[in-house]
Amino acid sequence: MNVLIINGSPKGAKSNSLKLTEAFLQGMKETSTVQSETLTVSKLDIKPCIGCFHCWKKTPGKCCISDDMTVVIEKILSADVLIYSFPLYYFGLPSQLKTLIDRQLPMVLPFMNNGTHSGAHSSRYDMSDKRYVLISTCGFYTAEGNYDAIDAQFSHHLGKGGYESIYCGQGELFGIPELKNRTEEYLEYARVAGREFAEGSITKETRNLLSQPLFPRDVFERMADASWGIEPPDQNRVQEKSHPAITFTRQMAALYRKDSWNGKDLVLEMHYTDEDKTAQLIMGKDGCKVLTQDFQPFTTRISTPLSVWMSIAKGEIDGQTALMKHLYQVDGDFQLMLHWDDYLGSSSKPDVQQVVPEKKSNMTLMLLPWFPLWFIGITQPVLGGILSILISTALPIFFFRYQPTVFDVFSGFTTAFLGILAISGFSPVVLVPVSYFIFGLMWSLTLFLEIPLTAYYSMNEYGGKSAFKNPLFIKTNRILTACWGILYLATPLWTYLFLFSDYKAPLSVINTALPFLLGCFTKWFQKWYPAHYAASKKAKN
């Protein structure tokens, strides 16, 4: 398949529309053998048509102007698929691309074609096997209603319904690295569209995805207004240029998700240490506003060089890694940082179909099979063993609702085996301490793995598996896993001593109270330690 891309953007290779086109082409190449070539119109020598009609009368099929258009026509004729890639300019085509289309006059015959309602000219060549695609971005929040002139022109040029089209609003966002989470989602849809086009036609489902705005209208228009880097009009002052730090903050504020408001306004204060500039984001029920003076008491304060925070936003530096290196400092409520994407995340995937909720892990599934051995098996080992076996056998039923972990499975198999030993008459004086030791060993060994045990369960409150990429989250959970591992490796010592003696009454109380206290500590430490770490050192300039 020979594909010719006509890049009609004056920006050439930096064209946002071309990003979509390249994703579309990538999808085509996944299912077909494709040879492609891109013609950048702005680099071609194509003079305007002068309407002399030499190409119809004196030199049929050949223009009297000698320039690059001769080669362009040859490439159009040899292409199987022709993709027009261009931005919308004032509800129409960029002037250079319009010139290229005007100069296709030699490709049609001068005689009128009575087969159309408004009149037309037949093609000089057999173009029936060619396929056409229009891929374009515009600066409005939606493409709907803004491409009427484009469709009218190409319906005449290529025939009504004679082409596929991908029109995307909010096109300038494809050039903003800070928003790549969302724009890459859309590029993936364009890639799928290319694959489907090569196989036959673009499906309705993919068209629906491509028709969704990248961001809601109010979010996009706030970002667009802030991007100009000038202060909003004010009758009391002359319009002036905005400081880059303030412009950046306003763009960040535009991403605020109103549905994250939990009944209490949050005040995020951004202090840019290298620019000595401060701005506040007031995140409330109706939206987010930016203050550059008359500040309110902050909820959370981030002290950071502007260069660092911009690099984080662009994805050049991982935000959590930067925090671990103390490249910025956080004071106040750290919960905003832990749930940043809920408030100011750049991903805005369209809700075009119901998404199946992701199953979550549940630590109860890991703990439950051990309880009969520890609390019943002390005095009634057979009953404790039977209950452990029954619970272990029933665990897979809960996996339909909860996401199982390797620790749930290990606990199920291990307690079932220990339950069999208990039923067989194995002494609880040895069996119970051994069960605690195995349990403690399971916790402790994960300290040497990339992900410690507690992280598999606490991730539910911090964005799921994405929390595994957060080094501070991992460090916090490694400390907690060590605490739990030490507890359960030490528990067999006093458990054995109590069971070996005649004074067993306090054992259940001790082995219940200590995990309860450590559980309370865990809840506190999960919030305290990240906040303490983030505020422990000043941000580096």
Protein backbone atom coordinates (compact mmCIF):
# COMPACT_ATOMS: atom_id res chain seq x y z
CA MET A 1 0.00 0.00 0.00
CA ASN A 2 1.46 3.30 -1.13
CA VAL A 3 0.49 6.13 1.23
CA LEU A 4 1.13 9.77 0.44
CA ILE A 5 0.82 12.27 3.29
CA ILE A 6 0.38 15.90 2.34
CA ASN A 7 1.37 17.91 5.39
CA GLY A 8 -0.37 21.24 4.89
CA SER A 9 0.74 22.83 8.17
CA PRO A 10 3.04 25.85 7.93
CA LYS A 11 4.73 24.46 11.07
CA GLY A 12 6.02 21.49 9.10
CA ALA A 13 7.31 18.66 11.29
CA LYS A 14 6.14 20.51 14.44
CA SER A 15 2.52 20.27 13.32
CA ASN A 16 0.08 19.00 15.95
CA SER A 17 -2.10 17.53 13.20
CA LEU A 18 0.91 15.59 11.96
CA LYS A 19 1.18 13.88 15.36
CA LEU A 20 -2.29 12.42 14.79
CA THR A 21 -1.40 11.51 11.24
CA GLU A 22 1.75 9.67 12.32
CA ALA A 23 -0.24 7.71 14.92
CA PHE A 24 -2.83 6.85 12.25
CA LEU A 25 -0.06 5.71 9.89
CA GLN A 26 1.50 3.60 12.64
CA GLY A 27 -1.82 1.80 13.03
CA MET A 28 -1.99 1.16 9.29
CA LYS A 29 1.47 -0.39 9.35
CA GLU A 30 0.38 -2.86 12.04
CA THR A 31 -1.82 -4.77 9.61
CA SER A 32 -0.51 -3.87 6.14
CA THR A 33 2.73 -3.50 4.27
CA VAL A 34 2.87 0.26 3.87
CA GLN A 35 5.24 2.47 1.94
CA SER A 36 4.73 6.06 2.97
CA GLU A 37 6.02 9.45 1.95
CA THR A 38 5.31 12.86 3.46
CA LEU A 39 5.25 16.04 1.40
CA THR A 40 5.59 19.17 3.52
CA VAL A 41 3.78 21.84 1.53
CA SER A 42 5.58 24.74 3.24
CA LYS A 43 8.90 23.44 1.84
CA LEU A 44 7.64 23.07 -1.71
CA ASP A 45 7.82 25.63 -4.49
CA ILE A 46 4.17 25.85 -5.52
CA LYS A 47 2.99 29.08 -7.08
CA PRO A 48 -0.67 30.17 -7.10
CA CYS A 49 -2.92 29.16 -9.98
CA ILE A 50 -3.38 32.09 -12.40
CA GLY A 51 -6.57 30.76 -14.03
CA CYS A 52 -5.16 30.70 -17.57
CA PHE A 53 -6.63 27.25 -18.37
CA HIS A 54 -3.58 26.27 -20.44
CA CYS A 55 -3.85 22.85 -18.76
CA TRP A 56 -7.30 22.43 -20.39
CA LYS A 57 -6.80 24.02 -23.81
CA LYS A 58 -3.20 24.31 -25.01
CA THR A 59 -1.36 21.65 -22.99
CA PRO A 60 -4.06 19.24 -21.72
CA GLY A 61 -3.17 17.82 -18.32
CA LYS A 62 -0.03 19.92 -17.97
CA CYS A 63 0.28 23.24 -16.14
CA CYS A 64 2.17 26.06 -17.80
CA ILE A 65 3.82 26.94 -14.46
CA SER A 66 7.07 25.09 -13.93
CA ASP A 67 7.48 24.28 -10.23
CA ASP A 68 7.16 21.40 -7.72
CA MET A 69 3.49 20.83 -8.48
CA THR A 70 4.37 18.60 -11.41
CA VAL A 71 6.02 16.10 -9.05
CA VAL A 72 3.15 16.42 -6.54
CA ILE A 73 0.59 15.39 -9.18
CA GLU A 74 2.74 12.41 -10.19
CA LYS A 75 2.90 11.25 -6.56
CA ILE A 76 -0.85 11.73 -6.09
CA LEU A 77 -1.54 9.58 -9.14
CA SER A 78 0.74 6.78 -7.91
CA ALA A 79 -0.64 6.74 -4.31
CA ASP A 80 -3.18 4.20 -3.07
CA VAL A 81 -4.07 6.29 -0.03
CA LEU A 82 -3.84 10.07 0.14
CA ILE A 83 -3.86 11.66 3.62
CA TYR A 84 -4.37 15.40 3.92
CA SER A 85 -2.92 16.53 7.27
CA PHE A 86 -3.52 20.15 8.23
CA PRO A 87 -4.66 22.55 10.96
CA LEU A 88 -7.87 24.52 10.65
CA TYR A 89 -7.09 28.13 9.71
CA TYR A 90 -9.97 30.55 10.11
CA PHE A 91 -12.52 27.76 9.49
CA GLY A 92 -10.71 26.76 6.28
CA LEU A 93 -7.50 25.42 4.81
CA PRO A 94 -4.04 26.95 5.36
CA SER A 95 -3.33 29.11 2.33
CA GLN A 96 -0.38 27.03 1.09
CA LEU A 97 -2.47 23.83 1.09
CA LYS A 98 -5.31 25.66 -0.65
CA THR A 99 -2.81 26.67 -3.35
CA LEU A 100 -1.78 23.03 -3.81
CA ILE A 101 -5.40 21.99 -4.25
CA ASP A 102 -6.06 24.86 -6.70
CA ARG A 103 -3.12 23.63 -8.76
CA GLN A 104 -4.74 20.18 -9.16
CA LEU A 105 -6.81 21.68 -11.99
CA PRO A 106 -4.81 19.78 -14.67
CA MET A 107 -6.11 16.55 -13.11
CA VAL A 108 -9.72 17.21 -14.27
CA LEU A 109 -11.29 17.61 -17.70
CA PRO A 110 -12.79 20.92 -18.88
CA PHE A 111 -16.12 19.33 -19.82
CA MET A 112 -19.07 19.67 -17.49
CA ASN A 113 -20.31 16.59 -15.67
CA ASN A 114 -24.10 16.43 -15.58
CA GLY A 115 -24.08 13.75 -12.93
CA THR A 116 -23.92 16.23 -10.05
CA HIS A 117 -26.56 18.62 -8.77
CA SER A 118 -24.37 21.73 -8.74
CA GLY A 119 -22.14 20.95 -11.68
CA ALA A 120 -18.60 19.55 -11.72
CA HIS A 121 -15.78 18.31 -13.91
CA SER A 122 -14.81 14.69 -14.39
CA SER A 123 -11.37 13.43 -13.49
CA ARG A 124 -8.84 13.12 -16.27
CA TYR A 125 -7.54 9.92 -14.64
CA ASP A 126 -9.09 6.81 -13.13
CA MET A 127 -9.11 7.63 -9.41
CA SER A 128 -11.72 5.06 -8.41
CA ASP A 129 -9.36 2.84 -6.39
CA LYS A 130 -7.86 5.63 -4.32
CA ARG A 131 -8.81 6.25 -0.69
CA TYR A 132 -8.64 9.58 1.08
CA VAL A 133 -8.30 10.65 4.70
CA LEU A 134 -8.49 14.14 6.21
CA ILE A 135 -6.74 14.56 9.57
CA SER A 136 -6.95 17.98 11.19
CA THR A 137 -6.78 19.76 14.53
CA CYS A 138 -8.25 23.10 15.49
CA GLY A 139 -7.96 25.50 18.41
CA PHE A 140 -11.57 25.31 19.54
CA TYR A 141 -12.72 23.04 22.35
CA THR A 142 -14.60 20.89 19.81
CA ALA A 143 -14.42 20.15 16.10
CA GLU A 144 -18.19 20.05 15.84
CA GLY A 145 -19.56 22.88 13.71
CA ASN A 146 -16.11 24.23 12.83
CA TYR A 147 -15.34 22.10 9.76
CA ASP A 148 -18.39 22.91 7.64
CA ALA A 149 -16.32 24.77 5.05
CA ILE A 150 -13.73 21.97 4.91
CA ASP A 151 -16.38 19.30 4.36
CA ALA A 152 -18.11 21.43 1.73
CA GLN A 153 -14.89 21.84 -0.23
CA PHE A 154 -13.73 18.24 -0.06
CA SER A 155 -17.22 16.93 -0.80
CA HIS A 156 -16.92 18.77 -4.12
CA HIS A 157 -13.27 17.85 -4.60
CA LEU A 158 -13.43 14.14 -3.67
CA GLY A 159 -17.16 13.46 -3.76
CA LYS A 160 -19.58 13.47 -0.86
CA GLY A 161 -18.70 10.59 1.46
CA GLY A 162 -15.59 9.91 -0.59
CA TYR A 163 -13.17 10.35 2.30
CA GLU A 164 -12.61 9.49 5.96
CA SER A 165 -12.03 12.32 8.40
CA ILE A 166 -10.56 12.78 11.86
CA TYR A 167 -11.24 16.27 13.17
CA CYS A 168 -9.90 17.03 16.63
CA GLY A 169 -10.53 20.11 18.73
CA GLN A 170 -8.06 21.42 21.32
CA GLY A 171 -5.20 20.69 18.90
CA GLU A 172 -2.67 22.93 20.60
CA LEU A 173 -2.65 20.58 23.60
CA PHE A 174 -0.71 17.99 21.60
CA GLY A 175 2.31 20.26 21.83
CA ILE A 176 2.20 20.56 25.64
CA PRO A 177 4.32 17.87 27.37
CA GLU A 178 2.53 18.46 30.69
CA LEU A 179 -0.67 17.04 29.18
CA LYS A 180 0.80 13.98 27.51
CA ASN A 181 -1.17 11.58 29.73
CA ARG A 182 -4.37 12.71 28.02
CA THR A 183 -3.02 13.45 24.54
CA GLU A 184 -1.33 10.06 24.33
CA GLU A 185 -4.71 8.46 25.04
CA TYR A 186 -6.11 10.25 22.00
CA LEU A 187 -3.11 9.32 19.84
CA GLU A 188 -3.78 5.71 20.76
CA TYR A 189 -7.32 6.09 19.42
CA ALA A 190 -5.88 7.53 16.19
CA ARG A 191 -3.54 4.53 15.94
CA VAL A 192 -6.50 2.16 16.35
CA ALA A 193 -8.37 4.12 13.66
CA GLY A 194 -5.43 3.65 11.29
CA ARG A 195 -5.39 -0.08 11.88
CA GLU A 196 -9.13 -0.34 11.31
CA PHE A 197 -8.92 1.82 8.16
CA ALA A 198 -6.26 -0.48 6.71
CA GLU A 199 -8.50 -3.48 7.46
CA GLY A 200 -11.61 -1.89 5.98
CA SER A 201 -13.22 1.01 7.80
CA ILE A 202 -13.07 2.86 11.11
CA THR A 203 -15.56 1.41 13.60
CA LYS A 204 -18.33 3.38 15.26
CA GLU A 205 -16.74 2.80 18.68
CA THR A 206 -13.43 4.32 17.58
CA ARG A 207 -15.20 7.26 15.94
CA ASN A 208 -16.96 7.93 19.25
CA LEU A 209 -13.64 7.96 21.08
CA LEU A 210 -12.13 10.31 18.52
CA SER A 211 -15.10 12.67 18.74
CA GLN A 212 -14.75 13.18 22.50
CA PRO A 213 -13.09 16.47 23.59
CA LEU A 214 -9.69 16.05 25.20
CA PHE A 215 -10.87 18.08 28.18
CA PRO A 216 -14.22 19.59 29.16
CA ARG A 217 -14.90 22.98 27.59
CA ASP A 218 -14.38 25.03 30.76
CA VAL A 219 -11.05 23.29 31.51
CA PHE A 220 -9.72 23.75 28.00
CA GLU A 221 -10.78 27.36 27.67
CA ARG A 222 -9.17 28.25 31.00
CA MET A 223 -5.93 26.59 29.87
CA ALA A 224 -6.11 28.33 26.51
CA ASP A 225 -6.69 31.75 28.08
CA ALA A 226 -3.80 31.24 30.51
CA SER A 227 -1.42 30.06 27.79
CA TRP A 228 -1.11 33.52 26.22
CA GLY A 229 0.98 34.69 29.16
CA ILE A 230 -0.79 38.03 29.54
CA GLU A 231 -2.91 39.32 32.38
CA PRO A 232 -6.70 39.37 31.84
CA PRO A 233 -8.14 42.79 30.84
CA ASP A 234 -8.73 45.18 33.71
CA GLN A 235 -10.19 48.68 33.47
CA ASN A 236 -7.94 49.88 36.27
CA ARG A 237 -4.64 48.95 34.65
CA VAL A 238 -2.90 48.59 31.33
CA GLN A 239 -2.76 45.02 30.07
CA GLU A 240 0.67 43.58 30.79
CA LYS A 241 2.63 40.39 30.36
CA SER A 242 2.18 37.76 33.07
CA HIS A 243 5.19 36.33 34.88
CA PRO A 244 5.97 32.78 33.62
CA ALA A 245 5.46 31.38 37.12
CA ILE A 246 1.97 32.91 37.32
CA THR A 247 1.09 31.77 33.80
CA PHE A 248 2.20 28.24 34.66
CA THR A 249 0.14 28.29 37.88
CA ARG A 250 -2.98 29.43 36.01
CA GLN A 251 -2.56 26.60 33.52
CA MET A 252 -2.18 24.16 36.41
CA ALA A 253 -5.31 25.57 38.05
CA ALA A 254 -7.27 24.99 34.84
CA LEU A 255 -6.89 21.23 35.37
CA TYR A 256 -8.73 21.32 38.70
CA ARG A 257 -11.46 18.70 38.93
CA LYS A 258 -14.50 20.13 40.67
CA ASP A 259 -15.85 16.66 41.45
CA SER A 260 -12.89 16.15 43.82
CA TRP A 261 -14.25 18.80 46.22
CA ASN A 262 -15.12 17.09 49.51
CA GLY A 263 -16.98 19.91 51.24
CA LYS A 264 -13.96 21.93 52.29
CA ASP A 265 -11.95 24.38 50.16
CA LEU A 266 -8.26 23.61 49.79
CA VAL A 267 -5.60 26.31 49.52
CA LEU A 268 -2.51 25.16 47.62
CA GLU A 269 0.30 27.69 47.87
CA MET A 270 3.05 27.50 45.26
CA HIS A 271 6.25 29.28 46.24
CA TYR A 272 8.74 29.33 43.37
CA THR A 273 12.06 29.69 45.15
CA ASP A 274 14.18 30.54 42.11
CA GLU A 275 11.80 33.28 40.91
CA ASP A 276 10.74 34.53 44.36
CA LYS A 277 7.12 34.34 43.22
CA THR A 278 4.15 33.01 45.16
CA ALA A 279 0.64 32.13 44.00
CA GLN A 280 -2.26 30.35 45.61
CA LEU A 281 -4.79 27.97 44.09
CA ILE A 282 -8.12 28.12 45.90
CA MET A 283 -9.82 24.83 45.06
CA GLY A 284 -13.52 24.99 45.85
CA LYS A 285 -16.92 23.67 44.91
CA ASP A 286 -17.36 25.83 41.82
CA GLY A 287 -13.80 25.75 40.50
CA CYS A 288 -10.26 26.92 41.14
CA LYS A 289 -9.10 30.51 41.23
CA VAL A 290 -5.55 31.84 41.43
CA LEU A 291 -4.47 34.52 43.90
CA THR A 292 -1.28 36.53 43.43
CA GLN A 293 -1.88 38.76 46.46
CA ASP A 294 -4.09 38.96 49.57
CA PHE A 295 -3.19 35.37 50.36
CA GLN A 296 -5.23 33.06 52.57
CA PRO A 297 -3.82 30.62 55.16
CA PHE A 298 -2.60 27.67 53.12
CA THR A 299 -3.69 24.06 53.42
CA THR A 300 -0.59 22.78 51.62
CA ARG A 301 2.51 24.73 50.61
CA ILE A 302 5.01 23.61 47.98
CA SER A 303 8.38 25.36 47.89
CA THR A 304 10.05 24.54 44.62
CA PRO A 305 12.17 26.04 41.87
CA LEU A 306 9.91 26.81 38.92
CA SER A 307 12.28 24.89 36.65
CA VAL A 308 11.91 21.76 38.78
CA TRP A 309 8.11 21.88 38.92
CA MET A 310 7.85 22.52 35.18
CA SER A 311 10.15 19.53 34.54
CA ILE A 312 7.93 17.39 36.74
CA ALA A 313 4.83 18.58 34.86
CA LYS A 314 6.47 17.75 31.53
CA GLY A 315 7.41 14.28 32.73
CA GLU A 316 11.14 14.99 32.47
CA ILE A 317 11.53 14.32 36.21
CA ASP A 318 9.41 11.95 38.28
CA GLY A 319 7.66 14.00 40.97
CA GLN A 320 8.11 11.44 43.74
CA THR A 321 11.76 10.87 42.86
CA ALA A 322 12.31 14.62 42.98
CA LEU A 323 10.70 14.67 46.43
CA MET A 324 12.97 11.86 47.62
CA LYS A 325 15.95 13.95 46.45
CA HIS A 326 14.54 16.98 48.30
CA LEU A 327 14.30 19.02 45.10
CA TYR A 328 11.16 20.56 46.57
CA GLN A 329 9.58 20.84 50.01
CA VAL A 330 5.99 20.31 51.15
CA ASP A 331 4.50 21.85 54.28
CA GLY A 332 1.01 21.45 55.71
CA ASP A 333 -1.45 18.72 54.75
CA PHE A 334 0.39 16.09 52.72
CA GLN A 335 -2.80 14.29 51.69
CA LEU A 336 -3.15 16.64 48.74
CA MET A 337 0.16 15.33 47.38
CA LEU A 338 -0.91 11.71 47.84
CA HIS A 339 -4.10 12.35 45.89
CA TRP A 340 -2.72 14.90 43.44
CA ASP A 341 -4.24 13.30 40.35
CA ASP A 342 -7.67 13.37 41.95
CA TYR A 343 -7.47 17.16 42.19
CA LEU A 344 -5.14 18.29 39.40
CA GLY A 345 -4.52 15.24 37.23
CA SER A 346 -4.14 15.83 33.49
CA SER A 347 -5.83 12.58 32.43
CA SER A 348 -9.41 13.09 31.35
CA LYS A 349 -10.43 9.88 29.63
CA PRO A 350 -13.91 10.17 28.08
CA ASP A 351 -16.68 8.12 29.63
CA VAL A 352 -17.93 6.52 26.42
CA GLN A 353 -18.53 3.11 27.91
CA GLN A 354 -18.94 1.71 31.37
CA VAL A 355 -15.64 0.63 32.82
CA VAL A 356 -15.49 -2.51 34.94
CA PRO A 357 -14.27 -1.46 38.43
CA GLU A 358 -10.80 -2.71 39.23
CA LYS A 359 -10.77 -5.32 41.98
CA LYS A 360 -8.91 -4.39 45.14
CA SER A 361 -6.79 -6.51 47.42
CA ASN A 362 -8.01 -7.28 50.94
CA MET A 363 -5.63 -8.13 53.79
CA THR A 364 -8.41 -9.98 55.64
CA LEU A 365 -8.10 -12.76 53.05
CA MET A 366 -4.46 -13.23 54.05
CA LEU A 367 -5.10 -13.10 57.81
CA LEU A 368 -8.31 -15.09 58.17
CA PRO A 369 -6.94 -18.64 57.60
CA TRP A 370 -4.37 -18.15 60.39
CA PHE A 371 -6.80 -17.09 63.12
CA PRO A 372 -8.27 -20.54 63.96
CA LEU A 373 -4.75 -21.93 64.46
CA TRP A 374 -3.68 -19.04 66.68
CA PHE A 375 -6.75 -18.57 68.86
CA ILE A 376 -8.68 -21.86 68.79
CA GLY A 377 -5.85 -24.23 68.03
CA ILE A 378 -4.18 -23.41 71.35
CA THR A 379 -6.84 -25.26 73.36
CA GLN A 380 -8.70 -27.20 70.64
CA PRO A 381 -6.15 -28.05 67.93
CA VAL A 382 -8.47 -30.35 65.97
CA LEU A 383 -11.24 -27.74 65.73
CA GLY A 384 -8.70 -25.05 64.90
CA GLY A 385 -7.20 -27.23 62.18
CA ILE A 386 -10.60 -28.01 60.65
CA LEU A 387 -11.60 -24.35 60.59
CA SER A 388 -8.30 -23.33 58.96
CA ILE A 389 -8.78 -25.96 56.26
CA LEU A 390 -12.37 -24.86 55.61
CA ILE A 391 -11.43 -21.19 55.39
CA SER A 392 -8.49 -21.93 53.10
CA THR A 393 -10.74 -23.98 50.84
CA ALA A 394 -13.28 -21.14 50.68
CA LEU A 395 -10.73 -18.42 49.84
CA PRO A 396 -11.03 -18.77 46.01
CA ILE A 397 -14.70 -17.80 46.30
CA PHE A 398 -13.65 -14.35 47.59
CA PHE A 399 -11.23 -13.95 44.67
CA PHE A 400 -14.23 -13.23 42.43
CA ARG A 401 -14.70 -9.99 44.35
CA TYR A 402 -11.21 -9.15 45.58
CA GLN A 403 -7.87 -9.13 43.79
CA PRO A 404 -5.81 -12.02 45.19
CA THR A 405 -2.17 -11.56 46.07
CA VAL A 406 0.56 -14.17 46.25
CA PHE A 407 0.38 -13.80 50.05
CA ASP A 408 -3.30 -14.75 50.12
CA VAL A 409 -2.55 -17.89 48.13
CA PHE A 410 0.51 -18.75 50.22
CA SER A 411 -1.49 -18.30 53.43
CA GLY A 412 -4.27 -20.53 52.14
CA PHE A 413 -1.98 -23.42 51.21
CA THR A 414 0.20 -23.08 54.30
CA THR A 415 -2.63 -22.95 56.83
CA ALA A 416 -4.35 -25.89 55.14
CA PHE A 417 -1.17 -27.94 55.57
CA LEU A 418 -0.78 -26.79 59.19
CA GLY A 419 -4.46 -27.61 59.78
CA ILE A 420 -3.86 -31.16 58.62
CA LEU A 421 -0.95 -31.43 61.06
CA ALA A 422 -3.19 -30.15 63.86
CA ILE A 423 -5.86 -32.74 63.08
CA SER A 424 -3.19 -35.42 62.95
CA GLY A 425 -2.29 -34.71 66.56
CA PHE A 426 0.72 -32.47 66.12
CA SER A 427 1.36 -30.67 69.42
CA PRO A 428 0.02 -27.06 69.52
CA VAL A 429 2.96 -26.16 71.76
CA VAL A 430 5.13 -26.44 68.65
CA LEU A 431 2.59 -25.96 65.85
CA VAL A 432 1.28 -22.55 66.97
CA PRO A 433 4.75 -20.93 67.41
CA VAL A 434 5.83 -22.45 64.08
CA SER A 435 2.78 -20.92 62.36
CA TYR A 436 3.68 -17.49 63.77
CA PHE A 437 7.28 -17.93 62.61
CA ILE A 438 6.22 -18.85 59.05
CA PHE A 439 3.88 -15.88 59.00
CA GLY A 440 6.63 -13.54 60.23
CA LEU A 441 9.09 -15.01 57.74
CA MET A 442 6.66 -14.28 54.90
CA TRP A 443 6.55 -10.61 55.92
CA SER A 444 10.29 -10.31 56.48
CA LEU A 445 11.42 -11.87 53.20
CA THR A 446 9.51 -9.26 51.20
CA LEU A 447 11.83 -6.61 52.62
CA PHE A 448 14.37 -7.83 50.08
CA LEU A 449 11.94 -7.65 47.18
CA GLU A 450 11.11 -4.62 45.04
CA ILE A 451 7.62 -4.34 46.58
CA PRO A 452 7.22 -5.00 50.35
CA LEU A 453 4.18 -6.90 51.60
CA THR A 454 2.13 -4.06 53.09
CA ALA A 455 2.29 -2.13 49.79
CA TYR A 456 0.10 -4.75 48.10
CA TYR A 457 -2.74 -3.86 50.45
CA SER A 458 -2.22 -0.16 51.25
CA MET A 459 -2.00 0.65 47.51
CA ASN A 460 -5.81 0.65 47.44
CA GLU A 461 -5.85 4.07 49.09
CA TYR A 462 -3.12 5.55 46.87
CA GLY A 463 -4.17 4.97 43.27
CA GLY A 464 -3.73 1.21 42.98
CA LYS A 465 -0.67 -0.31 41.34
CA SER A 466 0.50 3.11 40.15
CA ALA A 467 1.58 3.67 43.78
CA PHE A 468 4.34 1.09 43.21
CA LYS A 469 6.15 3.71 41.12
CA ASN A 470 6.21 6.09 44.09
CA PRO A 471 9.53 5.64 45.94
CA LEU A 472 8.24 7.40 49.07
CA PHE A 473 5.23 5.07 49.19
CA ILE A 474 7.55 2.07 48.86
CA LYS A 475 9.93 3.36 51.54
CA THR A 476 7.04 3.99 53.94
CA ASN A 477 5.69 0.48 53.41
CA ARG A 478 9.14 -1.10 53.69
CA ILE A 479 9.47 0.38 57.17
CA LEU A 480 6.00 -0.85 58.12
CA THR A 481 6.64 -4.31 56.69
CA ALA A 482 9.81 -4.50 58.77
CA CYS A 483 7.83 -3.62 61.91
CA TRP A 484 5.26 -6.33 61.23
CA GLY A 485 7.95 -8.84 60.32
CA ILE A 486 9.81 -8.21 63.60
CA LEU A 487 6.59 -8.57 65.58
CA TYR A 488 5.66 -11.91 64.06
CA LEU A 489 9.20 -13.29 64.22
CA ALA A 490 9.32 -12.41 67.92
CA THR A 491 5.81 -13.68 68.68
CA PRO A 492 6.85 -17.40 68.51
CA LEU A 493 9.28 -16.83 71.40
CA TRP A 494 6.78 -15.75 74.05
CA THR A 495 4.05 -17.92 72.51
CA TYR A 496 6.19 -21.03 73.03
CA LEU A 497 7.09 -19.97 76.59
CA PHE A 498 3.45 -19.41 77.55
CA LEU A 499 2.27 -22.67 75.93
CA PHE A 500 5.07 -24.66 77.53
CA SER A 501 4.09 -23.29 80.92
CA ASP A 502 0.81 -23.83 82.75
CA TYR A 503 -0.05 -20.10 82.60
CA LYS A 504 -1.67 -19.67 79.13
CA ALA A 505 -4.46 -17.20 79.86
CA PRO A 506 -2.65 -13.94 78.88
CA LEU A 507 -1.37 -15.33 75.57
CA SER A 508 -4.46 -14.60 73.47
CA VAL A 509 -4.73 -11.12 74.98
CA ILE A 510 -1.07 -10.32 74.22
CA ASN A 511 -1.20 -11.75 70.68
CA THR A 512 -4.34 -9.72 69.99
CA ALA A 513 -3.31 -6.46 71.66
CA LEU A 514 0.13 -6.14 70.05
CA PRO A 515 -1.10 -6.44 66.42
CA PHE A 516 -3.94 -4.05 67.26
CA LEU A 517 -1.50 -1.46 68.61
CA LEU A 518 0.82 -1.94 65.63
CA GLY A 519 -2.20 -1.54 63.35
CA CYS A 520 -2.97 1.82 64.97
CA PHE A 521 0.67 2.80 64.54
CA THR A 522 0.51 1.76 60.88
CA LYS A 523 -2.48 4.02 60.20
CA TRP A 524 -0.71 6.95 61.82
CA PHE A 525 2.69 6.28 60.25
CA GLN A 526 1.28 6.03 56.70
CA LYS A 527 0.22 9.67 56.93
CA TRP A 528 2.91 11.06 59.21
CA TYR A 529 6.06 9.73 57.59
CA PRO A 530 5.53 11.01 54.00
CA ALA A 531 4.59 14.46 55.34
CA HIS A 532 7.57 14.47 57.71
CA TYR A 533 9.94 13.42 54.93
CA ALA A 534 8.58 16.02 52.48
CA ALA A 535 9.02 18.86 54.98
CA SER A 536 12.28 17.69 56.55
CA LYS A 537 14.64 19.61 54.26
CA LYS A 538 14.49 22.81 52.29
CA ALA A 539 14.06 22.55 48.53
CA LYS A 540 17.25 22.99 46.56
CA ASN A 541 17.45 25.93 44.20
